[in-house]
């Protein structure tokens, strides 16, 4: 079995979960005997990296948004040539939207597309945000980009041979938009987590016994709810008078200036720690030693950081939104705050920090999200598509 994985994000060049997922999946597939070729950004000149059955071709493309579109268009000939050498092509979310039809036509191969949610649904959620919770530049950019992002996601869905949809609510959103005719091309295959990375961290304890640490991990966009989390810390410190909880913010993005302004305006420098991007190992270690994960995101498909936190046995906090209801019952039941209510979010963060972690984690309960099991399911999909060609 030979598989081509197409992704514009791939470590060390990536902005979030897509790149980490693509790396972990490629390694898991190659460990199971699949010959994997990854074509990804980013390099000034194309070059190959090879380890066992995993070969990675890094290519160049313009460092301009939308990067995923420029990646596939700038390297379309190379991607199509590689497609003819494999059995199945697996494209990561919107990494090849304008190229899928050509890949299928020229190579005669089947294409699996990972679908990580609905851009339309995400924009609907963002439109519900109070204006002071969305930096103007981010809001305008989101509105301008929305038609293109929606078109790319629709192309992934309509032109691919099979859809690896990351959650049941995403399947529902797809069928609602595109009709029941797409249902027979859908498998629910969740975003996966690497248990081998987590097992050594299960015995981590809190770094400071005098402080309780809540942690936020993700891109710093308003849609991730980070401004609500900072406002909740204001309520915890100034309204509830609690001074032994800190919020560690890991990530970067356009909402960072607004976060810094909020922290300064409410004198939260002691209580909100902004770390920016950190090496993955340090991120996981920080999560494992924390008291709770805070993810007040407006929309997610299958958030790896939430799955990792639950597998590590952490209490978690989310807004009570449709996407979250699919995951709140895993591990320790998540604290669910009223959407867009920073005061209720503050109370739920305190409750989560008061909750005992699960000793030795909740790996057994999260085993459906283990990368090894997800890789096995994808191999079954690849085999069925190859054999039907």
Protein backbone atom coordinates (compact mmCIF):
# COMPACT_ATOMS: atom_id res chain seq x y z
CA UNK A 1 0.00 0.00 0.00
CA UNK A 2 1.34 3.41 -1.01
CA UNK A 3 -0.31 6.62 0.19
CA UNK A 4 0.36 10.26 -0.68
CA UNK A 5 -0.46 12.69 2.14
CA UNK A 6 -0.92 16.28 0.94
CA UNK A 7 -0.76 18.99 3.60
CA UNK A 8 0.41 22.59 3.58
CA UNK A 9 1.07 22.34 7.34
CA UNK A 10 3.68 19.92 8.60
CA UNK A 11 6.15 20.33 11.49
CA UNK A 12 8.19 22.32 12.00
CA UNK A 13 6.15 24.64 9.73
CA UNK A 14 2.62 24.74 11.11
CA UNK A 15 0.14 26.90 12.97
CA UNK A 16 -1.93 24.36 14.86
CA UNK A 17 -3.38 20.89 15.04
CA UNK A 18 -3.44 20.10 11.29
CA UNK A 19 0.33 19.84 11.05
CA UNK A 20 0.73 17.76 14.19
CA UNK A 21 -2.07 15.44 13.06
CA UNK A 22 -0.48 15.00 9.62
CA UNK A 23 2.88 14.13 11.19
CA UNK A 24 1.46 11.69 13.74
CA UNK A 25 -0.75 10.01 11.12
CA UNK A 26 2.11 9.64 8.63
CA UNK A 27 4.37 8.10 11.28
CA UNK A 28 1.63 5.71 12.44
CA UNK A 29 0.84 4.59 8.88
CA UNK A 30 4.50 4.00 8.02
CA UNK A 31 4.99 2.04 11.26
CA UNK A 32 2.17 -0.27 10.08
CA UNK A 33 3.97 -0.99 6.83
CA UNK A 34 2.34 1.60 4.59
CA UNK A 35 4.68 3.43 2.20
CA UNK A 36 3.89 7.08 2.90
CA UNK A 37 4.90 10.10 0.84
CA UNK A 38 4.13 13.49 2.37
CA UNK A 39 4.24 16.60 0.21
CA UNK A 40 4.18 19.72 2.33
CA UNK A 41 5.59 23.21 2.92
CA UNK A 42 7.94 24.73 3.45
CA UNK A 43 11.38 25.10 1.91
CA UNK A 44 13.10 27.65 -0.35
CA UNK A 45 14.07 24.79 -2.66
CA UNK A 46 12.36 21.37 -2.71
CA UNK A 47 14.16 18.64 -0.80
CA UNK A 48 13.42 15.12 0.45
CA UNK A 49 13.64 13.66 3.96
CA UNK A 50 13.39 9.87 4.28
CA UNK A 51 13.01 7.67 7.36
CA UNK A 52 12.10 4.04 6.77
CA UNK A 53 8.79 3.90 4.90
CA UNK A 54 8.12 7.63 5.38
CA UNK A 55 9.35 10.10 2.75
CA UNK A 56 8.69 13.83 3.07
CA UNK A 57 9.00 16.29 0.20
CA UNK A 58 9.15 19.89 1.35
CA UNK A 59 8.25 22.45 -1.31
CA UNK A 60 8.07 26.21 -1.62
CA UNK A 61 5.01 28.42 -1.98
CA UNK A 62 4.17 32.11 -1.42
CA UNK A 63 3.97 33.01 2.26
CA UNK A 64 0.66 34.80 1.79
CA UNK A 65 -2.86 33.97 2.94
CA UNK A 66 -4.61 31.79 2.06
CA UNK A 67 -1.45 29.67 2.29
CA UNK A 68 -3.23 26.38 1.69
CA UNK A 69 -4.45 27.59 -1.70
CA UNK A 70 -1.05 28.92 -2.81
CA UNK A 71 0.59 25.69 -1.62
CA UNK A 72 -1.48 23.47 -3.91
CA UNK A 73 -1.53 25.81 -6.90
CA UNK A 74 2.21 26.52 -6.83
CA UNK A 75 3.00 22.79 -6.64
CA UNK A 76 0.16 21.30 -8.67
CA UNK A 77 2.36 19.55 -11.25
CA UNK A 78 4.58 17.99 -8.58
CA UNK A 79 1.59 16.78 -6.56
CA UNK A 80 -0.07 15.25 -9.64
CA UNK A 81 3.15 13.47 -10.63
CA UNK A 82 3.44 11.94 -7.15
CA UNK A 83 -0.24 10.96 -7.20
CA UNK A 84 0.41 8.65 -10.15
CA UNK A 85 2.97 6.70 -8.09
CA UNK A 86 0.68 5.75 -5.17
CA UNK A 87 -2.51 3.79 -4.53
CA UNK A 88 -4.49 6.47 -2.65
CA UNK A 89 -4.15 10.19 -1.98
CA UNK A 90 -5.12 11.62 1.42
CA UNK A 91 -5.53 15.39 1.46
CA UNK A 92 -5.64 17.31 4.71
CA UNK A 93 -8.31 20.01 5.20
CA UNK A 94 -8.43 22.46 2.25
CA UNK A 95 -4.82 21.67 1.33
CA UNK A 96 -5.67 20.78 -2.29
CA UNK A 97 -9.24 21.95 -2.84
CA UNK A 98 -8.71 23.36 -6.36
CA UNK A 99 -6.55 20.39 -7.34
CA UNK A 100 -8.55 17.31 -6.31
CA UNK A 101 -10.49 17.00 -9.57
CA UNK A 102 -7.24 17.19 -11.56
CA UNK A 103 -5.53 14.62 -9.32
CA UNK A 104 -8.35 12.12 -9.87
CA UNK A 105 -8.55 12.81 -13.62
CA UNK A 106 -4.82 12.55 -14.31
CA UNK A 107 -3.84 9.78 -11.91
CA UNK A 108 -6.95 7.61 -11.91
CA UNK A 109 -6.52 7.27 -8.14
CA UNK A 110 -9.03 7.84 -5.35
CA UNK A 111 -8.78 10.79 -2.96
CA UNK A 112 -9.65 10.77 0.74
CA UNK A 113 -10.25 14.22 2.24
CA UNK A 114 -10.14 14.94 5.95
CA UNK A 115 -13.01 17.28 6.83
CA UNK A 116 -12.48 19.15 10.07
CA UNK A 117 -15.66 21.16 10.25
CA UNK A 118 -17.83 23.70 8.50
CA UNK A 119 -16.44 27.17 7.80
CA UNK A 120 -20.01 28.39 7.37
CA UNK A 121 -20.91 27.13 10.84
CA UNK A 122 -17.78 28.70 12.34
CA UNK A 123 -18.60 32.10 10.79
CA UNK A 124 -22.14 31.80 12.09
CA UNK A 125 -20.73 31.34 15.59
CA UNK A 126 -18.31 34.26 15.20
CA UNK A 127 -21.17 36.50 14.07
CA UNK A 128 -22.74 35.95 17.52
CA UNK A 129 -19.70 37.43 19.26
CA UNK A 130 -20.06 40.84 20.90
CA UNK A 131 -18.13 43.39 18.83
CA UNK A 132 -15.68 44.01 21.69
CA UNK A 133 -14.73 40.32 21.68
CA UNK A 134 -13.48 40.34 18.07
CA UNK A 135 -10.45 42.41 17.00
CA UNK A 136 -11.58 44.48 14.01
CA UNK A 137 -8.83 43.27 11.66
CA UNK A 138 -9.62 39.64 12.45
CA UNK A 139 -13.35 40.18 11.94
CA UNK A 140 -12.90 41.98 8.60
CA UNK A 141 -10.40 39.39 7.36
CA UNK A 142 -12.78 36.59 8.33
CA UNK A 143 -15.67 38.17 6.43
CA UNK A 144 -13.54 38.82 3.33
CA UNK A 145 -12.06 35.33 3.38
CA UNK A 146 -15.32 33.50 4.13
CA UNK A 147 -16.51 32.94 0.52
CA UNK A 148 -13.14 31.49 -0.53
CA UNK A 149 -12.84 29.27 2.56
CA UNK A 150 -16.42 28.03 2.08
CA UNK A 151 -15.77 27.31 -1.60
CA UNK A 152 -12.60 25.34 -0.79
CA UNK A 153 -14.38 23.24 1.83
CA UNK A 154 -17.26 22.59 -0.58
CA UNK A 155 -14.79 21.44 -3.24
CA UNK A 156 -13.17 19.04 -0.77
CA UNK A 157 -16.59 17.55 -0.09
CA UNK A 158 -17.97 17.39 -3.63
CA UNK A 159 -14.88 16.25 -5.56
CA UNK A 160 -13.21 13.76 -3.17
CA UNK A 161 -13.83 10.04 -3.42
CA UNK A 162 -14.29 9.60 0.33
CA UNK A 163 -14.63 11.93 3.32
CA UNK A 164 -12.88 11.24 6.63
CA UNK A 165 -15.12 13.41 8.79
CA UNK A 166 -13.77 14.14 12.25
CA UNK A 167 -16.99 14.19 14.30
CA UNK A 168 -20.68 13.34 14.17
CA UNK A 169 -21.75 16.98 14.33
CA UNK A 170 -19.56 17.68 11.28
CA UNK A 171 -21.27 14.86 9.38
CA UNK A 172 -24.63 16.41 10.24
CA UNK A 173 -23.44 19.82 9.01
CA UNK A 174 -22.21 18.33 5.72
CA UNK A 175 -25.43 16.41 5.06
CA UNK A 176 -27.51 19.48 5.94
CA UNK A 177 -25.59 21.56 3.39
CA UNK A 178 -24.97 19.02 0.61
CA UNK A 179 -27.84 16.57 0.98
CA UNK A 180 -28.06 12.90 1.87
CA UNK A 181 -26.34 11.83 -1.36
CA UNK A 182 -22.92 12.47 0.23
CA UNK A 183 -23.67 10.26 3.26
CA UNK A 184 -22.45 7.04 1.60
CA UNK A 185 -19.02 8.63 1.06
CA UNK A 186 -18.56 9.55 4.72
CA UNK A 187 -16.70 7.78 7.51
CA UNK A 188 -16.46 9.38 10.94
CA UNK A 189 -12.75 9.14 11.69
CA UNK A 190 -11.79 11.44 14.57
CA UNK A 191 -8.74 13.55 15.00
CA UNK A 192 -6.34 11.27 16.83
CA UNK A 193 -3.92 11.61 19.72
CA UNK A 194 -0.63 9.84 20.26
CA UNK A 195 -0.93 7.73 23.41
CA UNK A 196 2.80 7.00 23.30
CA UNK A 197 3.46 10.72 23.82
CA UNK A 198 1.05 10.94 26.75
CA UNK A 199 1.87 7.81 28.76
CA UNK A 200 5.23 9.11 30.13
CA UNK A 201 3.42 12.26 31.38
CA UNK A 202 0.69 10.58 33.42
CA UNK A 203 2.60 10.95 36.69
CA UNK A 204 3.28 14.68 36.28
CA UNK A 205 2.26 16.76 39.29
CA UNK A 206 1.51 20.46 39.67
CA UNK A 207 4.62 22.61 39.36
CA UNK A 208 3.61 24.86 42.28
CA UNK A 209 1.52 23.39 45.12
CA UNK A 210 0.58 26.94 46.19
CA UNK A 211 -1.02 27.83 42.86
CA UNK A 212 -3.71 26.22 40.74
CA UNK A 213 -3.00 26.39 37.02
CA UNK A 214 -5.58 26.56 34.28
CA UNK A 215 -4.13 26.30 30.77
CA UNK A 216 -5.34 27.48 27.37
CA UNK A 217 -3.67 25.93 24.31
CA UNK A 218 -4.45 27.00 20.76
CA UNK A 219 -4.25 29.66 18.11
CA UNK A 220 -5.07 33.06 19.53
CA UNK A 221 -8.16 33.84 17.50
CA UNK A 222 -11.32 35.33 18.96
CA UNK A 223 -13.21 32.24 17.75
CA UNK A 224 -11.18 30.20 20.24
CA UNK A 225 -12.76 32.17 23.08
CA UNK A 226 -9.45 33.33 24.53
CA UNK A 227 -10.76 36.84 25.30
CA UNK A 228 -13.58 35.28 27.33
CA UNK A 229 -10.99 33.27 29.26
CA UNK A 230 -9.03 36.41 30.13
CA UNK A 231 -12.21 38.23 31.15
CA UNK A 232 -13.10 35.23 33.30
CA UNK A 233 -9.74 35.62 35.05
CA UNK A 234 -10.65 39.24 35.78
CA UNK A 235 -13.84 38.00 37.43
CA UNK A 236 -11.96 35.30 39.38
CA UNK A 237 -9.42 37.78 40.73
CA UNK A 238 -11.46 40.95 41.22
CA UNK A 239 -15.02 39.70 41.79
CA UNK A 240 -14.46 36.37 43.52
CA UNK A 241 -11.29 37.48 45.30
CA UNK A 242 -9.40 34.31 44.36
CA UNK A 243 -5.64 34.82 44.03
CA UNK A 244 -4.26 31.28 43.74
CA UNK A 245 -5.42 30.51 40.16
CA UNK A 246 -3.30 31.44 37.13
CA UNK A 247 -4.13 31.08 33.47
CA UNK A 248 -1.25 29.95 31.23
CA UNK A 249 -1.86 30.92 27.59
CA UNK A 250 0.08 28.86 25.03
CA UNK A 251 -0.16 29.92 21.40
CA UNK A 252 0.00 32.95 19.17
CA UNK A 253 -2.28 34.74 16.76
CA UNK A 254 -4.05 37.98 15.88
CA UNK A 255 -5.90 38.25 19.20
CA UNK A 256 -2.61 38.59 21.12
CA UNK A 257 -2.58 42.44 21.23
CA UNK A 258 -6.15 42.47 22.57
CA UNK A 259 -5.18 39.90 25.23
CA UNK A 260 -2.24 42.01 26.34
CA UNK A 261 -4.44 45.11 26.55
CA UNK A 262 -6.99 43.27 28.69
CA UNK A 263 -4.31 41.92 31.01
CA UNK A 264 -2.84 45.38 31.53
CA UNK A 265 -6.20 47.14 31.85
CA UNK A 266 -7.30 44.79 34.64
CA UNK A 267 -3.89 44.41 36.29
CA UNK A 268 -3.77 40.67 35.65
CA UNK A 269 -0.04 40.37 34.96
CA UNK A 270 0.39 38.00 37.93
CA UNK A 271 -2.57 35.88 36.91
CA UNK A 272 -2.37 35.53 33.11
CA UNK A 273 0.91 34.18 31.75
CA UNK A 274 1.41 34.40 27.98
CA UNK A 275 3.97 31.92 26.64
CA UNK A 276 3.48 32.14 22.87
CA UNK A 277 4.46 29.09 20.81
CA UNK A 278 6.23 26.34 22.75
CA UNK A 279 7.81 23.05 21.64
CA UNK A 280 5.21 20.30 21.61
CA UNK A 281 6.90 18.32 24.36
CA UNK A 282 6.77 21.34 26.65
CA UNK A 283 3.12 22.00 25.78
CA UNK A 284 2.14 18.47 26.78
CA UNK A 285 4.24 18.63 29.94
CA UNK A 286 2.59 21.93 30.91
CA UNK A 287 -0.86 20.43 30.33
CA UNK A 288 -0.02 17.31 32.33
CA UNK A 289 1.08 19.36 35.35
CA UNK A 290 -1.89 21.76 35.18
CA UNK A 291 -5.12 21.57 37.17
CA UNK A 292 -7.49 22.20 34.26
CA UNK A 293 -7.74 22.96 30.54
CA UNK A 294 -9.87 25.94 29.45
CA UNK A 295 -11.23 25.78 25.88
CA UNK A 296 -14.14 28.23 25.49
CA UNK A 297 -14.03 27.85 21.71
CA UNK A 298 -17.03 28.88 19.65
CA UNK A 299 -16.57 26.07 17.14
CA UNK A 300 -14.40 22.96 16.82
CA UNK A 301 -14.61 19.72 14.88
CA UNK A 302 -12.67 17.29 17.07
CA UNK A 303 -10.16 19.33 19.10
CA UNK A 304 -7.00 17.33 19.80
CA UNK A 305 -6.04 19.51 22.76
CA UNK A 306 -9.33 18.66 24.50
CA UNK A 307 -8.84 14.94 23.81
CA UNK A 308 -5.25 15.10 25.09
CA UNK A 309 -6.32 16.88 28.26
CA UNK A 310 -9.06 14.35 28.93
CA UNK A 311 -6.70 11.44 28.23
CA UNK A 312 -4.27 12.95 30.75
CA UNK A 313 -7.09 12.99 33.32
CA UNK A 314 -7.52 16.78 33.44
CA UNK A 315 -10.76 18.55 34.28
CA UNK A 316 -11.81 20.73 31.34
CA UNK A 317 -13.98 23.79 30.76
CA UNK A 318 -15.96 24.52 27.58
CA UNK A 319 -18.91 26.62 26.54
CA UNK A 320 -22.17 24.67 26.30
CA UNK A 321 -22.30 24.70 22.50
CA UNK A 322 -23.39 21.96 20.04
CA UNK A 323 -19.86 20.92 19.04
CA UNK A 324 -18.79 20.50 22.67
CA UNK A 325 -21.68 18.24 23.67
CA UNK A 326 -20.14 15.43 21.63
CA UNK A 327 -17.08 15.35 23.91
CA UNK A 328 -18.04 16.62 27.39
CA UNK A 329 -18.76 13.15 28.77
CA UNK A 330 -15.33 11.69 28.00
CA UNK A 331 -13.00 11.29 30.97
CA UNK A 332 -13.93 13.77 33.70
CA UNK A 333 -17.19 15.38 32.58
CA UNK A 334 -16.38 18.88 31.34
CA UNK A 335 -17.57 21.95 33.19
CA UNK A 336 -19.93 23.65 30.71
CA UNK A 337 -20.39 27.42 30.96
CA UNK A 338 -23.19 29.45 29.44
CA UNK A 339 -21.97 30.60 26.01
CA UNK A 340 -20.41 34.08 25.96
CA UNK A 341 -20.89 34.47 29.74
CA UNK A 342 -17.48 35.26 31.26
CA UNK A 343 -18.85 35.34 34.81
CA UNK A 344 -20.27 31.82 34.52
CA UNK A 345 -17.04 30.79 32.80
CA UNK A 346 -15.12 32.11 35.81
CA UNK A 347 -17.15 29.95 38.18
CA UNK A 348 -16.65 26.90 35.96
CA UNK A 349 -12.86 27.47 35.85
CA UNK A 350 -12.78 27.59 39.64
CA UNK A 351 -14.89 24.42 39.82
CA UNK A 352 -12.59 22.64 37.38
CA UNK A 353 -9.50 23.67 39.36
CA UNK A 354 -11.21 22.29 42.50
CA UNK A 355 -11.81 18.92 40.80
CA UNK A 356 -9.40 16.04 41.36
CA UNK A 357 -7.57 14.82 38.26
CA UNK A 358 -7.90 11.18 37.24
CA UNK A 359 -4.79 9.39 38.43
CA UNK A 360 -2.98 7.68 35.55
CA UNK A 361 -5.33 9.42 33.11
CA UNK A 362 -8.31 8.18 31.12
CA UNK A 363 -6.58 6.47 28.21
CA UNK A 364 -8.93 3.48 28.25
CA UNK A 365 -11.98 5.68 27.82
CA UNK A 366 -10.28 7.64 25.01
CA UNK A 367 -8.96 4.59 23.13
CA UNK A 368 -11.19 5.27 20.10
CA UNK A 369 -9.05 8.38 19.56
CA UNK A 370 -5.70 6.55 19.77
CA UNK A 371 -3.68 7.26 16.64
CA UNK A 372 -2.92 3.56 16.15
CA UNK A 373 -6.64 2.71 16.01
CA UNK A 374 -7.39 5.68 13.75
CA UNK A 375 -4.57 4.63 11.40
CA UNK A 376 -6.06 1.11 11.21
CA UNK A 377 -9.44 2.53 10.25
CA UNK A 378 -7.89 4.71 7.55
CA UNK A 379 -5.94 1.76 6.15
CA UNK A 380 -9.27 -0.06 5.78
CA UNK A 381 -10.67 2.94 3.88
CA UNK A 382 -7.57 3.16 1.67
CA UNK A 383 -7.72 -0.57 0.89
CA UNK A 384 -11.40 -0.43 -0.07
CA UNK A 385 -10.79 2.54 -2.38
CA UNK A 386 -7.72 0.95 -3.97
CA UNK A 387 -9.54 -2.32 -4.59
CA UNK A 388 -12.50 -0.52 -6.17
CA UNK A 389 -10.35 1.37 -8.67
